[in-house]
PDB file of N, CA and C in Angstrom:
ATOM      1  N   MET A   1     161.419  63.013 156.795  1.00  0.00           N
ATOM      2  CA  MET A   1     161.245  61.844 156.121  1.00  0.00           C
ATOM      3  C   MET A   1     160.480  60.647 156.621  1.00  0.00           C
ATOM      4  N   GLU A   2     159.248  60.906 157.514  1.00  0.00           N
ATOM      5  CA  GLU A   2     158.357  59.956 158.401  1.00  0.00           C
ATOM      6  C   GLU A   2     157.629  59.685 157.042  1.00  0.00           C
ATOM      7  N   THR A   3     157.384  60.297 155.673  1.00  0.00           N
ATOM      8  CA  THR A   3     156.363  60.333 155.305  1.00  0.00           C
ATOM      9  C   THR A   3     156.907  59.031 154.283  1.00  0.00           C
ATOM     10  N   LEU A   4     157.746  59.194 154.319  1.00  0.00           N
ATOM     11  CA  LEU A   4     158.302  58.157 153.009  1.00  0.00           C
ATOM     12  C   LEU A   4     158.358  56.615 154.111  1.00  0.00           C
ATOM     13  N   LEU A   5     158.143  56.488 154.877  1.00  0.00           N
ATOM     14  CA  LEU A   5     157.539  55.517 156.100  1.00  0.00           C
ATOM     15  C   LEU A   5     156.232  55.054 155.758  1.00  0.00           C
ATOM     16  N   CYS A   6     155.178  55.077 154.897  1.00  0.00           N
ATOM     17  CA  CYS A   6     153.815  55.328 154.903  1.00  0.00           C
ATOM     18  C   CYS A   6     153.471  55.049 153.007  1.00  0.00           C
ATOM     19  N   MET A   7     154.456  55.724 152.486  1.00  0.00           N
ATOM     20  CA  MET A   7     154.954  55.915 150.945  1.00  0.00           C
ATOM     21  C   MET A   7     153.351  55.084 150.766  1.00  0.00           C
ATOM     22  N   THR A   8     152.603  55.211 149.837  1.00  0.00           N
ATOM     23  CA  THR A   8     151.535  54.551 148.610  1.00  0.00           C
ATOM     24  C   THR A   8     152.409  54.047 147.537  1.00  0.00           C
ATOM     25  N   PHE A   9     152.021  53.283 146.819  1.00  0.00           N
ATOM     26  CA  PHE A   9     152.787  53.137 145.601  1.00  0.00           C
ATOM     27  C   PHE A   9     152.754  53.442 144.558  1.00  0.00           C
ATOM     28  N   TYR A  10     151.391  54.211 144.437  1.00  0.00           N
ATOM     29  CA  TYR A  10     151.604  54.964 143.341  1.00  0.00           C
ATOM     30  C   TYR A  10     152.634  56.292 143.422  1.00  0.00           C
ATOM     31  N   ASP A  11     153.131  56.601 145.161  1.00  0.00           N
ATOM     32  CA  ASP A  11     154.024  58.226 145.221  1.00  0.00           C
ATOM     33  C   ASP A  11     155.545  57.348 144.916  1.00  0.00           C
ATOM     34  N   PHE A  12     155.535  55.640 145.079  1.00  0.00           N
ATOM     35  CA  PHE A  12     156.562  55.226 144.932  1.00  0.00           C
ATOM     36  C   PHE A  12     157.197  55.460 143.305  1.00  0.00           C
ATOM     37  N   LEU A  13     155.949  54.852 142.725  1.00  0.00           N
ATOM     38  CA  LEU A  13     156.318  55.127 141.386  1.00  0.00           C
ATOM     39  C   LEU A  13     156.457  56.455 140.588  1.00  0.00           C
ATOM     40  N   ARG A  14     156.207  57.445 141.486  1.00  0.00           N
ATOM     41  CA  ARG A  14     156.467  58.941 141.096  1.00  0.00           C
ATOM     42  C   ARG A  14     157.745  59.116 140.939  1.00  0.00           C
ATOM     43  N   LEU A  15     159.033  58.631 142.167  1.00  0.00           N
ATOM     44  CA  LEU A  15     159.887  58.841 142.530  1.00  0.00           C
ATOM     45  C   LEU A  15     161.136  58.622 141.181  1.00  0.00           C
ATOM     46  N   ASN A  16     162.057  58.953 140.920  1.00  0.00           N
ATOM     47  CA  ASN A  16     163.243  58.945 140.143  1.00  0.00           C
ATOM     48  C   ASN A  16     164.192  57.816 140.681  1.00  0.00           C
ATOM     49  N   HIS A  17     164.851  56.550 139.563  1.00  0.00           N
ATOM     50  CA  HIS A  17     165.635  56.086 139.544  1.00  0.00           C
ATOM     51  C   HIS A  17     166.487  55.983 141.035  1.00  0.00           C
ATOM     52  N   GLU A  18     167.183  56.672 141.530  1.00  0.00           N
ATOM     53  CA  GLU A  18     167.837  57.012 142.554  1.00  0.00           C
ATOM     54  C   GLU A  18     166.962  57.360 143.819  1.00  0.00           C
ATOM     55  N   GLU A  19     165.949  57.878 143.715  1.00  0.00           N
ATOM     56  CA  GLU A  19     164.941  57.640 144.617  1.00  0.00           C
ATOM     57  C   GLU A  19     164.338  56.388 145.510  1.00  0.00           C
ATOM     58  N   ARG A  20     164.214  55.790 144.428  1.00  0.00           N
ATOM     59  CA  ARG A  20     163.414  54.830 144.283  1.00  0.00           C
ATOM     60  C   ARG A  20     164.371  53.580 145.072  1.00  0.00           C
ATOM     61  N   THR A  21     165.470  53.714 144.386  1.00  0.00           N
ATOM     62  CA  THR A  21     166.282  52.712 145.335  1.00  0.00           C
ATOM     63  C   THR A  21     166.693  52.934 146.414  1.00  0.00           C
ATOM     64  N   GLU A  22     167.466  54.064 146.742  1.00  0.00           N
ATOM     65  CA  GLU A  22     167.008  54.642 148.166  1.00  0.00           C
ATOM     66  C   GLU A  22     166.247  54.497 149.445  1.00  0.00           C
ATOM     67  N   HIS A  23     164.805  54.301 148.676  1.00  0.00           N
ATOM     68  CA  HIS A  23     163.922  53.952 149.330  1.00  0.00           C
ATOM     69  C   HIS A  23     163.443  52.666 149.620  1.00  0.00           C
ATOM     70  N   ILE A  24     164.151  51.742 148.647  1.00  0.00           N
ATOM     71  CA  ILE A  24     164.529  49.999 149.132  1.00  0.00           C
ATOM     72  C   ILE A  24     165.170  49.838 149.951  1.00  0.00           C
ATOM     73  N   LEU A  25     166.230  50.397 149.822  1.00  0.00           N
ATOM     74  CA  LEU A  25     167.440  50.207 150.332  1.00  0.00           C
ATOM     75  C   LEU A  25     167.382  50.214 151.995  1.00  0.00           C
ATOM     76  N   GLU A  26     166.427  51.669 152.463  1.00  0.00           N
ATOM     77  CA  GLU A  26     166.370  51.978 153.750  1.00  0.00           C
ATOM     78  C   GLU A  26     165.166  51.735 154.102  1.00  0.00           C
ATOM     79  N   PHE A  27     164.095  51.089 153.660  1.00  0.00           N
ATOM     80  CA  PHE A  27     162.813  51.195 154.447  1.00  0.00           C
ATOM     81  C   PHE A  27     162.301  49.501 154.227  1.00  0.00           C
ATOM     82  N   GLY A  28     163.171  49.002 152.798  1.00  0.00           N
ATOM     83  CA  GLY A  28     162.700  48.083 152.321  1.00  0.00           C
ATOM     84  C   GLY A  28     162.941  46.737 153.018  1.00  0.00           C
ATOM     85  N   ILE A  29     162.083  45.372 153.536  1.00  0.00           N
ATOM     86  CA  ILE A  29     162.812  44.020 154.230  1.00  0.00           C
ATOM     87  C   ILE A  29     163.335  43.330 153.023  1.00  0.00           C
ATOM     88  N   PHE A  30     164.852  43.289 153.048  1.00  0.00           N
ATOM     89  CA  PHE A  30     165.000  42.452 152.187  1.00  0.00           C
ATOM     90  C   PHE A  30     164.183  40.680 151.658  1.00  0.00           C
ATOM     91  N   LEU A  31     163.842  40.315 151.521  1.00  0.00           N
ATOM     92  CA  LEU A  31     163.123  39.004 151.146  1.00  0.00           C
ATOM     93  C   LEU A  31     164.023  37.867 150.656  1.00  0.00           C
ATOM     94  N   THR A  32     164.327  37.668 149.325  1.00  0.00           N
ATOM     95  CA  THR A  32     164.829  36.738 148.860  1.00  0.00           C
ATOM     96  C   THR A  32     166.088  37.258 147.541  1.00  0.00           C
ATOM     97  N   SER A  33     166.808  36.845 146.738  1.00  0.00           N
ATOM     98  CA  SER A  33     167.632  37.418 145.750  1.00  0.00           C
ATOM     99  C   SER A  33     167.318  35.998 144.644  1.00  0.00           C
ATOM    100  N   CYS A  34     167.363  36.223 143.663  1.00  0.00           N
ATOM    101  CA  CYS A  34     168.087  35.505 142.135  1.00  0.00           C
ATOM    102  C   CYS A  34     169.017  36.251 141.720  1.00  0.00           C
ATOM    103  N   PRO A  35     169.345  35.103 140.773  1.00  0.00           N
ATOM    104  CA  PRO A  35     170.595  35.829 139.534  1.00  0.00           C
ATOM    105  C   PRO A  35     170.147  37.360 139.365  1.00  0.00           C
ATOM    106  N   GLY A  36     171.131  38.487 139.476  1.00  0.00           N
ATOM    107  CA  GLY A  36     170.657  39.505 139.072  1.00  0.00           C
ATOM    108  C   GLY A  36     169.555  40.545 139.848  1.00  0.00           C
ATOM    109  N   ARG A  37     168.706  40.083 140.700  1.00  0.00           N
ATOM    110  CA  ARG A  37     167.464  40.732 141.576  1.00  0.00           C
ATOM    111  C   ARG A  37     167.873  40.155 142.719  1.00  0.00           C
ATOM    112  N   ALA A  38     166.836  41.088 143.421  1.00  0.00           N
ATOM    113  CA  ALA A  38     166.679  40.802 144.837  1.00  0.00           C
ATOM    114  C   ALA A  38     165.354  42.020 144.993  1.00  0.00           C
ATOM    115  N   LEU A  39     164.663  41.263 145.953  1.00  0.00           N
ATOM    116  CA  LEU A  39     162.982  41.430 145.832  1.00  0.00           C
ATOM    117  C   LEU A  39     163.047  41.682 147.441  1.00  0.00           C
ATOM    118  N   TYR A  40     162.383  42.571 147.990  1.00  0.00           N
ATOM    119  CA  TYR A  40     161.889  43.393 149.058  1.00  0.00           C
ATOM    120  C   TYR A  40     160.605  43.669 149.435  1.00  0.00           C
ATOM    121  N   ASP A  41     160.081  43.610 150.523  1.00  0.00           N
ATOM    122  CA  ASP A  41     158.766  44.056 150.522  1.00  0.00           C
ATOM    123  C   ASP A  41     158.731  45.393 151.617  1.00  0.00           C
ATOM    124  N   LEU A  42     157.761  46.365 150.806  1.00  0.00           N
ATOM    125  CA  LEU A  42     157.433  47.607 151.453  1.00  0.00           C
ATOM    126  C   LEU A  42     156.489  47.660 151.896  1.00  0.00           C
ATOM    127  N   GLY A  43     155.577  46.421 152.587  1.00  0.00           N
ATOM    128  CA  GLY A  43     154.293  47.227 153.075  1.00  0.00           C
ATOM    129  C   GLY A  43     153.207  46.635 152.457  1.00  0.00           C
ATOM    130  N   LYS A  44     153.079  47.533 151.829  1.00  0.00           N
ATOM    131  CA  LYS A  44     151.857  47.127 151.148  1.00  0.00           C
ATOM    132  C   LYS A  44     151.886  47.306 149.652  1.00  0.00           C
ATOM    133  N   PHE A  45     153.165  47.456 149.462  1.00  0.00           N
ATOM    134  CA  PHE A  45     153.766  46.548 147.925  1.00  0.00           C
ATOM    135  C   PHE A  45     154.865  45.702 148.321  1.00  0.00           C
ATOM    136  N   TYR A  46     155.335  45.316 146.631  1.00  0.00           N
ATOM    137  CA  TYR A  46     157.000  44.519 146.642  1.00  0.00           C
ATOM    138  C   TYR A  46     157.552  45.558 145.750  1.00  0.00           C
ATOM    139  N   ALA A  47     159.072  45.367 146.328  1.00  0.00           N
ATOM    140  CA  ALA A  47     160.056  45.952 144.834  1.00  0.00           C
ATOM    141  C   ALA A  47     161.019  45.125 144.616  1.00  0.00           C
ATOM    142  N   GLU A  48     161.272  45.806 143.648  1.00  0.00           N
ATOM    143  CA  GLU A  48     163.013  44.472 143.099  1.00  0.00           C
ATOM    144  C   GLU A  48     163.943  45.929 142.513  1.00  0.00           C
ATOM    145  N   LEU A  49     165.261  45.120 143.186  1.00  0.00           N
ATOM    146  CA  LEU A  49     166.531  45.761 142.397  1.00  0.00           C
ATOM    147  C   LEU A  49     166.615  44.970 141.399  1.00  0.00           C
ATOM    148  N   VAL A  50     167.252  45.437 140.336  1.00  0.00           N
ATOM    149  CA  VAL A  50     167.758  44.744 138.959  1.00  0.00           C
ATOM    150  C   VAL A  50     169.411  44.888 138.991  1.00  0.00           C
ATOM    151  N   TYR A  51     170.277  44.142 138.963  1.00  0.00           N
ATOM    152  CA  TYR A  51     171.485  44.775 139.014  1.00  0.00           C
ATOM    153  C   TYR A  51     172.369  44.042 137.723  1.00  0.00           C
ATOM    154  N   ASP A  52     173.008  45.148 137.485  1.00  0.00           N
ATOM    155  CA  ASP A  52     174.238  44.331 136.259  1.00  0.00           C
ATOM    156  C   ASP A  52     175.317  44.376 136.590  1.00  0.00           C
ATOM    157  N   SER A  53     175.671  43.158 136.328  1.00  0.00           N
ATOM    158  CA  SER A  53     177.093  42.783 137.032  1.00  0.00           C
ATOM    159  C   SER A  53     178.528  43.467 136.038  1.00  0.00           C
ATOM    160  N   GLU A  54     177.844  43.209 134.828  1.00  0.00           N
ATOM    161  CA  GLU A  54     179.278  43.920 133.956  1.00  0.00           C
ATOM    162  C   GLU A  54     179.051  45.864 134.039  1.00  0.00           C
ATOM    163  N   GLN A  55     177.657  46.367 134.393  1.00  0.00           N
ATOM    164  CA  GLN A  55     178.054  47.937 134.585  1.00  0.00           C
ATOM    165  C   GLN A  55     178.493  48.612 136.549  1.00  0.00           C
ATOM    166  N   ASN A  56     178.497  46.867 137.287  1.00  0.00           N
ATOM    167  CA  ASN A  56     178.752  46.793 138.408  1.00  0.00           C
ATOM    168  C   ASN A  56     177.407  48.211 139.130  1.00  0.00           C
ATOM    169  N   LYS A  57     176.657  48.099 138.605  1.00  0.00           N
ATOM    170  CA  LYS A  57     175.361  49.003 139.475  1.00  0.00           C
ATOM    171  C   LYS A  57     173.893  48.461 139.317  1.00  0.00           C
ATOM    172  N   ILE A  58     173.060  49.040 139.966  1.00  0.00           N
ATOM    173  CA  ILE A  58     171.829  48.805 140.302  1.00  0.00           C
ATOM    174  C   ILE A  58     171.444  49.465 139.345  1.00  0.00           C
ATOM    175  N   VAL A  59     170.848  48.696 138.125  1.00  0.00           N
ATOM    176  CA  VAL A  59     169.769  49.426 136.487  1.00  0.00           C
ATOM    177  C   VAL A  59     168.328  49.641 136.828  1.00  0.00           C
ATOM    178  N   GLU A  60     167.874  48.807 137.655  1.00  0.00           N
ATOM    179  CA  GLU A  60     166.119  49.125 138.152  1.00  0.00           C
ATOM    180  C   GLU A  60     165.834  49.038 139.141  1.00  0.00           C
ATOM    181  N   ALA A  61     164.936  49.717 139.388  1.00  0.00           N
ATOM    182  CA  ALA A  61     164.085  49.567 140.694  1.00  0.00           C
ATOM    183  C   ALA A  61     163.190  49.565 140.511  1.00  0.00           C
ATOM    184  N   ARG A  62     162.085  48.898 140.808  1.00  0.00           N
ATOM    185  CA  ARG A  62     160.538  48.731 140.490  1.00  0.00           C
ATOM    186  C   ARG A  62     159.489  48.260 141.303  1.00  0.00           C
ATOM    187  N   GLY A  63     158.616  48.669 142.064  1.00  0.00           N
ATOM    188  CA  GLY A  63     157.675  48.503 142.399  1.00  0.00           C
ATOM    189  C   GLY A  63     156.759  47.630 141.654  1.00  0.00           C
ATOM    190  N   PHE A  64     156.064  46.438 142.563  1.00  0.00           N
ATOM    191  CA  PHE A  64     154.624  46.097 141.823  1.00  0.00           C
ATOM    192  C   PHE A  64     153.842  45.284 143.150  1.00  0.00           C
ATOM    193  N   ARG A  65     152.723  45.268 142.669  1.00  0.00           N
ATOM    194  CA  ARG A  65     151.590  44.840 143.641  1.00  0.00           C
ATOM    195  C   ARG A  65     151.097  42.978 143.117  1.00  0.00           C
ATOM    196  N   SER A  66     151.665  42.820 142.170  1.00  0.00           N
ATOM    197  CA  SER A  66     151.154  41.403 141.398  1.00  0.00           C
ATOM    198  C   SER A  66     151.583  40.512 142.223  1.00  0.00           C
ATOM    199  N   LEU A  67     151.275  39.837 142.210  1.00  0.00           N
ATOM    200  CA  LEU A  67     151.708  38.134 142.956  1.00  0.00           C
ATOM    201  C   LEU A  67     152.675  37.477 141.582  1.00  0.00           C
ATOM    202  N   ARG A  68     152.060  37.732 140.678  1.00  0.00           N
ATOM    203  CA  ARG A  68     152.886  36.972 139.965  1.00  0.00           C
ATOM    204  C   ARG A  68     154.337  37.567 139.832  1.00  0.00           C
ATOM    205  N   ASN A  69     154.415  38.535 139.434  1.00  0.00           N
ATOM    206  CA  ASN A  69     155.575  39.424 139.921  1.00  0.00           C
ATOM    207  C   ASN A  69     156.942  38.900 140.477  1.00  0.00           C
ATOM    208  N   LEU A  70     156.035  37.341 141.289  1.00  0.00           N
ATOM    209  CA  LEU A  70     157.239  36.909 142.416  1.00  0.00           C
ATOM    210  C   LEU A  70     157.727  35.621 141.873  1.00  0.00           C
ATOM    211  N   GLU A  71     157.058  35.370 140.871  1.00  0.00           N
ATOM    212  CA  GLU A  71     157.509  33.808 140.342  1.00  0.00           C
ATOM    213  C   GLU A  71     158.811  33.269 140.571  1.00  0.00           C
ATOM    214  N   PRO A  72     159.787  34.312 139.736  1.00  0.00           N
ATOM    215  CA  PRO A  72     161.249  34.321 138.997  1.00  0.00           C
ATOM    216  C   PRO A  72     161.703  33.861 140.767  1.00  0.00           C
ATOM    217  N   TYR A  73     161.114  34.457 142.450  1.00  0.00           N
ATOM    218  CA  TYR A  73     161.840  34.217 143.133  1.00  0.00           C
ATOM    219  C   TYR A  73     161.113  32.676 144.200  1.00  0.00           C
ATOM    220  N   LEU A  74     160.425  31.902 143.275  1.00  0.00           N
ATOM    221  CA  LEU A  74     159.760  31.172 144.075  1.00  0.00           C
ATOM    222  C   LEU A  74     160.720  30.162 144.060  1.00  0.00           C
ATOM    223  N   GLY A  75     161.740  29.403 143.360  1.00  0.00           N
ATOM    224  CA  GLY A  75     162.706  28.722 143.375  1.00  0.00           C
ATOM    225  C   GLY A  75     163.844  29.190 144.541  1.00  0.00           C
ATOM    226  N   TYR A  76     163.979  30.416 144.933  1.00  0.00           N
ATOM    227  CA  TYR A  76     164.771  30.916 145.926  1.00  0.00           C
ATOM    228  C   TYR A  76     164.328  31.095 147.507  1.00  0.00           C
ATOM    229  N   ILE A  77     163.525  30.356 147.951  1.00  0.00           N
ATOM    230  CA  ILE A  77     162.685  31.126 148.800  1.00  0.00           C
ATOM    231  C   ILE A  77     162.632  29.350 150.024  1.00  0.00           C
ATOM    232  N   ASP A  78     163.578  29.556 150.648  1.00  0.00           N
ATOM    233  CA  ASP A  78     163.364  28.514 151.517  1.00  0.00           C
ATOM    234  C   ASP A  78     162.402  28.405 152.319  1.00  0.00           C
ATOM    235  N   MET A  79     161.756  27.258 152.398  1.00  0.00           N
ATOM    236  CA  MET A  79     160.936  26.792 152.926  1.00  0.00           C
ATOM    237  C   MET A  79     160.931  25.535 153.753  1.00  0.00           C
ATOM    238  N   ASN A  80     162.225  25.788 154.536  1.00  0.00           N
ATOM    239  CA  ASN A  80     162.439  24.207 155.373  1.00  0.00           C
ATOM    240  C   ASN A  80     162.439  24.886 156.694  1.00  0.00           C
ATOM    241  N   LEU A  81     161.187  25.038 157.327  1.00  0.00           N
ATOM    242  CA  LEU A  81     160.691  25.081 159.093  1.00  0.00           C
ATOM    243  C   LEU A  81     161.372  24.145 159.554  1.00  0.00           C
ATOM    244  N   ASP A  82     161.945  23.140 159.908  1.00  0.00           N
ATOM    245  CA  ASP A  82     162.919  22.469 160.534  1.00  0.00           C
ATOM    246  C   ASP A  82     163.865  23.291 161.046  1.00  0.00           C
ATOM    247  N   ASP A  83     164.586  23.840 160.435  1.00  0.00           N
ATOM    248  CA  ASP A  83     165.976  24.264 160.579  1.00  0.00           C
ATOM    249  C   ASP A  83     165.638  25.569 161.571  1.00  0.00           C
ATOM    250  N   LYS A  84     164.331  26.341 161.302  1.00  0.00           N
ATOM    251  CA  LYS A  84     163.130  27.282 162.376  1.00  0.00           C
ATOM    252  C   LYS A  84     163.738  27.206 163.813  1.00  0.00           C
ATOM    253  N   GLU A  85     163.133  26.052 164.258  1.00  0.00           N
ATOM    254  CA  GLU A  85     162.598  25.663 165.509  1.00  0.00           C
ATOM    255  C   GLU A  85     164.060  25.408 166.322  1.00  0.00           C
TER     256      GLU A  85
END
């Protein structure tokens, strides 16, 4: 499993849905969430899990490198640094 720790973005894209989901949950650093989605940092790229509450399951696990894909999460990031001191 040590090869998964340094997985490239393109290696991640080659995984099937279940493998992507497992990799995100095992190695990803949770950053934030918004309704139906959760954002993770995987080092060299970001990953997103999309949850369908009606089906009660993760329906999509995708990776991306573009900062544009972070836009849906901007309103959910706590930038109040006063509470951190």
